[in-house]
Amino acid sequence: MRILIIVFLAIIGASLGSFISVVNERLAKDNKSIIFGRSICPLCRKQLKKIDLIPLLSYIMLKGKCRFCSKKISMIYPALEIFSSLSFIAIYLKFPFVTDTFTLNLQNLTAYLIFALYGIFFTAIFFYDIQHNEVPELFLYGLICITAIGSLILGQPEIKSMGIALLGALIFFGGQHILSKGKWLGDGDVFFSISMAFILGWDNLIIAVASAYCVGASVAIILLLTKKATSKTPVPFTPFLILGTYIAIIFGQQITYWTSTYLIQ
């Protein structure tokens, strides 16, 4: 039963990932409609068939090429679908809403639906920032609203913890943005940190930020060593904040326990 649910959520996640890729592309090109309208090949502008729009499978069947112009399809599309699919699975493993006795856990189901909605925004922001080195205000403001409402519905983190986290995020990220005049961190990073504060509270926010900087530094070192980037190459930071947020959501309790047990004592 649990495997069937995971497979089902993986398919839903991949399908939403495919939809997100369309929204991101249309938003980047300032299309009048970012939701409605038929999908086209971004290279030859031919209208795609329904069979070309099956998440992941179409990319595999077409061998990563457009059926009309035979040009290579960007890896960003299957990567986005896989990321979205894994996101839905990871959130379910954190909030399994069906127990071993096949009963529905309504509390976990509510948490899952709310965090899955966060995951949709995370996926859109993650890949939009990678592709365009910016985050649309539509995503940022929308995420701030739903994270504030979502945390109030769930009743966690506590209001006090959210307040401390929000103040800390604005000082830490806003301070860097002001001091560097936007060179170290962009507006998107600062606004995204507000959502992080609402989701995580102050204790998990620290874990998320530390994880983001560790992952970001590791990736930067790899890029420099492989000469795929230089010290002047702009690297979007919001994707690392998203990865850090996922780490805090899924492993925050374990990390807190481990640090308090083995490091503090």
Protein backbone atom coordinates (compact mmCIF):
# COMPACT_ATOMS: atom_id res chain seq x y z
CA MET A 1 0.00 0.00 0.00
CA ARG A 2 2.77 2.42 0.97
CA ILE A 3 4.68 1.68 -2.23
CA LEU A 4 1.55 2.31 -4.32
CA ILE A 5 1.04 5.67 -2.61
CA ILE A 6 4.68 6.63 -3.23
CA VAL A 7 4.40 5.66 -6.91
CA PHE A 8 1.15 7.62 -7.24
CA LEU A 9 2.67 10.71 -5.58
CA ALA A 10 5.78 10.40 -7.76
CA ILE A 11 3.58 10.49 -10.88
CA ILE A 12 1.60 13.46 -9.56
CA GLY A 13 4.83 15.25 -8.68
CA ALA A 14 6.33 14.67 -12.12
CA SER A 15 3.12 15.83 -13.81
CA LEU A 16 3.07 19.04 -11.77
CA GLY A 17 6.76 19.47 -12.56
CA SER A 18 5.92 19.36 -16.26
CA PHE A 19 3.25 22.02 -15.69
CA ILE A 20 5.70 24.15 -13.68
CA SER A 21 8.22 24.07 -16.54
CA VAL A 22 5.56 25.48 -18.88
CA VAL A 23 4.60 28.21 -16.39
CA ASN A 24 8.26 29.16 -15.85
CA GLU A 25 8.94 29.41 -19.57
CA ARG A 26 5.86 31.51 -20.27
CA LEU A 27 6.52 33.74 -17.29
CA ALA A 28 10.07 34.36 -18.47
CA LYS A 29 8.79 35.37 -21.91
CA ASP A 30 6.03 37.59 -20.49
CA ASN A 31 3.28 35.60 -22.17
CA LYS A 32 -0.21 36.98 -21.60
CA SER A 33 -1.37 33.59 -20.37
CA ILE A 34 1.08 31.66 -18.19
CA ILE A 35 -1.36 28.78 -17.62
CA PHE A 36 -3.60 28.33 -20.66
CA GLY A 37 -2.58 27.67 -24.24
CA ARG A 38 -0.90 24.78 -26.10
CA SER A 39 2.71 23.82 -25.46
CA ILE A 40 5.26 24.38 -28.21
CA CYS A 41 8.87 23.42 -28.82
CA PRO A 42 11.00 26.37 -27.59
CA LEU A 43 13.43 25.76 -30.47
CA CYS A 44 11.33 25.32 -33.62
CA ARG A 45 8.05 26.72 -32.18
CA LYS A 46 6.05 23.72 -33.45
CA GLN A 47 2.96 22.81 -31.42
CA LEU A 48 3.65 19.66 -29.41
CA LYS A 49 1.44 16.60 -29.50
CA LYS A 50 -0.13 15.12 -26.38
CA ILE A 51 2.23 12.15 -26.55
CA ASP A 52 5.16 14.59 -26.32
CA LEU A 53 3.94 15.89 -22.97
CA ILE A 54 4.09 12.74 -20.84
CA PRO A 55 6.42 13.59 -17.92
CA LEU A 56 9.85 11.91 -18.24
CA LEU A 57 8.56 9.17 -20.56
CA SER A 58 8.25 11.51 -23.55
CA TYR A 59 11.83 12.72 -23.03
CA ILE A 60 13.05 9.11 -22.93
CA MET A 61 10.96 7.98 -25.93
CA LEU A 62 12.14 10.95 -28.00
CA LYS A 63 15.74 10.35 -26.85
CA GLY A 64 15.96 13.92 -25.62
CA LYS A 65 15.18 15.46 -29.02
CA CYS A 66 12.26 17.34 -30.53
CA ARG A 67 10.27 15.11 -32.93
CA PHE A 68 9.96 18.01 -35.41
CA CYS A 69 13.37 19.72 -35.53
CA SER A 70 15.48 16.92 -33.94
CA LYS A 71 17.29 19.45 -31.78
CA LYS A 72 18.25 18.48 -28.24
CA ILE A 73 15.73 19.24 -25.53
CA SER A 74 17.26 20.94 -22.51
CA MET A 75 17.98 18.64 -19.56
CA ILE A 76 16.28 21.24 -17.37
CA TYR A 77 12.86 19.77 -18.24
CA PRO A 78 13.38 16.18 -17.06
CA ALA A 79 15.48 17.47 -14.14
CA LEU A 80 12.59 19.67 -13.02
CA GLU A 81 10.12 16.79 -13.27
CA ILE A 82 12.42 14.49 -11.27
CA PHE A 83 13.00 17.16 -8.63
CA SER A 84 9.26 17.73 -8.25
CA SER A 85 8.60 13.99 -8.07
CA LEU A 86 11.27 13.45 -5.39
CA SER A 87 9.90 16.43 -3.48
CA PHE A 88 6.45 14.84 -3.26
CA ILE A 89 7.97 11.54 -2.13
CA ALA A 90 10.23 13.14 0.49
CA ILE A 91 7.35 15.10 2.00
CA TYR A 92 5.26 11.93 2.20
CA LEU A 93 8.07 10.10 4.02
CA LYS A 94 8.07 12.99 6.51
CA PHE A 95 4.28 13.06 6.83
CA PRO A 96 2.97 9.56 6.00
CA PHE A 97 -0.78 10.04 5.97
CA VAL A 98 -1.66 6.36 5.62
CA THR A 99 -0.67 4.13 8.55
CA ASP A 100 0.45 0.50 8.42
CA THR A 101 -3.11 -0.50 9.33
CA PHE A 102 -4.39 1.35 6.24
CA THR A 103 -6.09 4.13 8.20
CA LEU A 104 -5.94 7.77 7.23
CA ASN A 105 -4.01 10.14 9.49
CA LEU A 106 -5.82 13.46 8.97
CA GLN A 107 -3.18 15.50 10.79
CA ASN A 108 -0.41 14.18 8.57
CA LEU A 109 -2.61 14.52 5.49
CA THR A 110 -3.15 18.21 6.26
CA ALA A 111 0.58 18.70 6.81
CA TYR A 112 1.36 16.82 3.61
CA LEU A 113 -0.99 18.91 1.47
CA ILE A 114 0.39 22.16 2.89
CA PHE A 115 4.04 21.15 2.47
CA ALA A 116 3.35 19.74 -1.00
CA LEU A 117 2.03 23.19 -1.93
CA TYR A 118 5.26 24.67 -0.58
CA GLY A 119 7.11 22.11 -2.70
CA ILE A 120 5.40 23.31 -5.87
CA PHE A 121 6.62 26.85 -5.22
CA PHE A 122 10.09 25.57 -4.24
CA THR A 123 10.40 23.69 -7.53
CA ALA A 124 9.29 26.67 -9.61
CA ILE A 125 11.64 29.05 -7.79
CA PHE A 126 14.57 26.59 -7.81
CA PHE A 127 14.62 26.13 -11.57
CA TYR A 128 13.56 29.63 -12.54
CA ASP A 129 16.48 31.05 -10.55
CA ILE A 130 18.92 28.56 -12.09
CA GLN A 131 17.77 29.44 -15.60
CA HIS A 132 17.33 33.20 -15.27
CA ASN A 133 19.30 34.16 -12.14
CA GLU A 134 16.27 35.86 -10.63
CA VAL A 135 13.03 34.94 -8.86
CA PRO A 136 9.68 36.35 -10.01
CA GLU A 137 7.89 38.46 -7.41
CA LEU A 138 4.73 36.46 -8.16
CA PHE A 139 6.37 33.35 -6.70
CA LEU A 140 7.97 35.10 -3.74
CA TYR A 141 4.89 37.02 -2.57
CA GLY A 142 2.68 34.00 -3.14
CA LEU A 143 4.99 31.78 -1.12
CA ILE A 144 5.16 34.27 1.76
CA CYS A 145 1.36 34.32 1.96
CA ILE A 146 0.84 30.56 1.84
CA THR A 147 3.65 29.81 4.31
CA ALA A 148 2.24 32.29 6.82
CA ILE A 149 -1.27 30.82 6.46
CA GLY A 150 0.03 27.24 6.38
CA SER A 151 1.98 27.60 9.62
CA LEU A 152 -1.04 29.13 11.34
CA ILE A 153 -3.22 26.22 10.19
CA LEU A 154 -0.69 23.64 11.40
CA GLY A 155 -0.01 25.51 14.63
CA GLN A 156 3.71 25.09 14.21
CA PRO A 157 6.21 26.50 14.51
CA GLU A 158 5.03 28.60 17.44
CA ILE A 159 4.33 32.29 16.84
CA LYS A 160 7.25 33.27 19.08
CA SER A 161 9.63 31.01 17.20
CA MET A 162 8.42 32.41 13.85
CA GLY A 163 8.89 35.96 15.13
CA ILE A 164 12.46 35.31 16.25
CA ALA A 165 13.23 33.54 12.97
CA LEU A 166 11.73 36.38 10.93
CA LEU A 167 13.75 39.00 12.79
CA GLY A 168 16.92 36.94 12.46
CA ALA A 169 16.36 36.32 8.74
CA LEU A 170 15.76 40.00 8.00
CA ILE A 171 18.85 41.05 9.94
CA PHE A 172 21.12 38.34 8.51
CA PHE A 173 20.01 38.35 4.88
CA GLY A 174 18.78 41.91 4.70
CA GLY A 175 22.00 43.13 6.30
CA GLN A 176 24.12 41.33 3.71
CA HIS A 177 21.97 42.70 0.91
CA ILE A 178 22.29 46.27 2.14
CA LEU A 179 26.01 46.11 2.95
CA SER A 180 26.89 44.59 -0.43
CA LYS A 181 24.35 46.69 -2.35
CA GLY A 182 22.87 43.50 -3.75
CA LYS A 183 26.17 41.90 -4.80
CA TRP A 184 26.22 39.13 -2.18
CA LEU A 185 22.51 38.43 -2.03
CA GLY A 186 19.62 39.55 -4.19
CA ASP A 187 16.13 40.69 -3.26
CA GLY A 188 14.83 37.19 -3.96
CA ASP A 189 17.07 35.66 -1.30
CA VAL A 190 15.84 38.10 1.32
CA PHE A 191 12.15 37.57 0.47
CA PHE A 192 12.58 33.80 0.36
CA SER A 193 14.15 33.87 3.84
CA ILE A 194 10.86 35.30 5.14
CA SER A 195 9.06 32.16 3.97
CA MET A 196 11.80 30.06 5.57
CA ALA A 197 11.15 31.79 8.89
CA PHE A 198 7.42 31.05 8.68
CA ILE A 199 7.98 27.39 7.81
CA LEU A 200 10.87 26.53 10.10
CA GLY A 201 10.95 28.70 13.20
CA TRP A 202 14.26 29.91 14.62
CA ASP A 203 15.87 26.54 15.46
CA ASN A 204 15.30 24.86 12.10
CA LEU A 205 16.07 28.11 10.29
CA ILE A 206 19.61 27.92 11.66
CA ILE A 207 19.92 24.35 10.34
CA ALA A 208 18.56 25.38 6.93
CA VAL A 209 20.88 28.37 6.55
CA ALA A 210 23.94 26.40 7.70
CA SER A 211 23.04 23.58 5.28
CA ALA A 212 22.51 26.03 2.43
CA TYR A 213 25.92 27.63 2.91
CA CYS A 214 27.64 24.23 3.22
CA VAL A 215 26.02 22.89 0.05
CA GLY A 216 26.61 26.19 -1.77
CA ALA A 217 30.29 26.27 -0.80
CA SER A 218 30.74 22.63 -1.88
CA VAL A 219 29.16 23.27 -5.28
CA ALA A 220 31.21 26.46 -5.75
CA ILE A 221 34.45 24.59 -5.02
CA ILE A 222 33.54 21.83 -7.49
CA LEU A 223 32.71 24.38 -10.19
CA LEU A 224 36.00 26.20 -9.61
CA LEU A 225 38.07 23.01 -9.61
CA THR A 226 36.42 21.77 -12.82
CA LYS A 227 36.83 25.25 -14.33
CA LYS A 228 33.13 25.47 -15.13
CA ALA A 229 32.98 28.76 -13.26
CA THR A 230 35.29 31.51 -12.03
CA SER A 231 35.28 33.62 -8.90
CA LYS A 232 33.31 36.23 -10.86
CA THR A 233 30.64 33.86 -12.17
CA PRO A 234 27.24 34.75 -10.64
CA VAL A 235 25.73 31.77 -8.84
CA PRO A 236 22.06 32.00 -7.71
CA PHE A 237 21.76 31.34 -3.98
CA THR A 238 18.03 30.78 -3.55
CA PRO A 239 18.27 27.16 -4.87
CA PHE A 240 20.70 26.42 -2.03
CA LEU A 241 18.31 28.00 0.46
CA ILE A 242 15.60 25.69 -0.90
CA LEU A 243 17.82 22.63 -0.47
CA GLY A 244 18.68 23.80 3.05
CA THR A 245 14.98 24.21 3.79
CA TYR A 246 14.27 20.66 2.65
CA ILE A 247 17.10 19.37 4.84
CA ALA A 248 15.67 21.21 7.85
CA ILE A 249 12.11 20.02 7.16
CA ILE A 250 13.04 16.35 6.74
CA PHE A 251 16.06 15.98 9.06
CA GLY A 252 15.70 18.96 11.40
CA GLN A 253 14.64 16.95 14.44
CA GLN A 254 17.41 14.38 13.97
CA ILE A 255 20.05 17.08 13.50
CA THR A 256 18.86 18.95 16.59
CA TYR A 257 18.95 15.74 18.64
CA TRP A 258 22.40 14.80 17.33
CA THR A 259 23.92 18.23 18.00
CA SER A 260 22.41 18.47 21.49
CA THR A 261 23.51 14.95 22.36
CA TYR A 262 27.01 14.76 20.91
CA LEU A 263 28.23 18.33 20.39
CA ILE A 264 26.77 20.44 23.17
CA GLN A 265 27.29 17.96 25.98
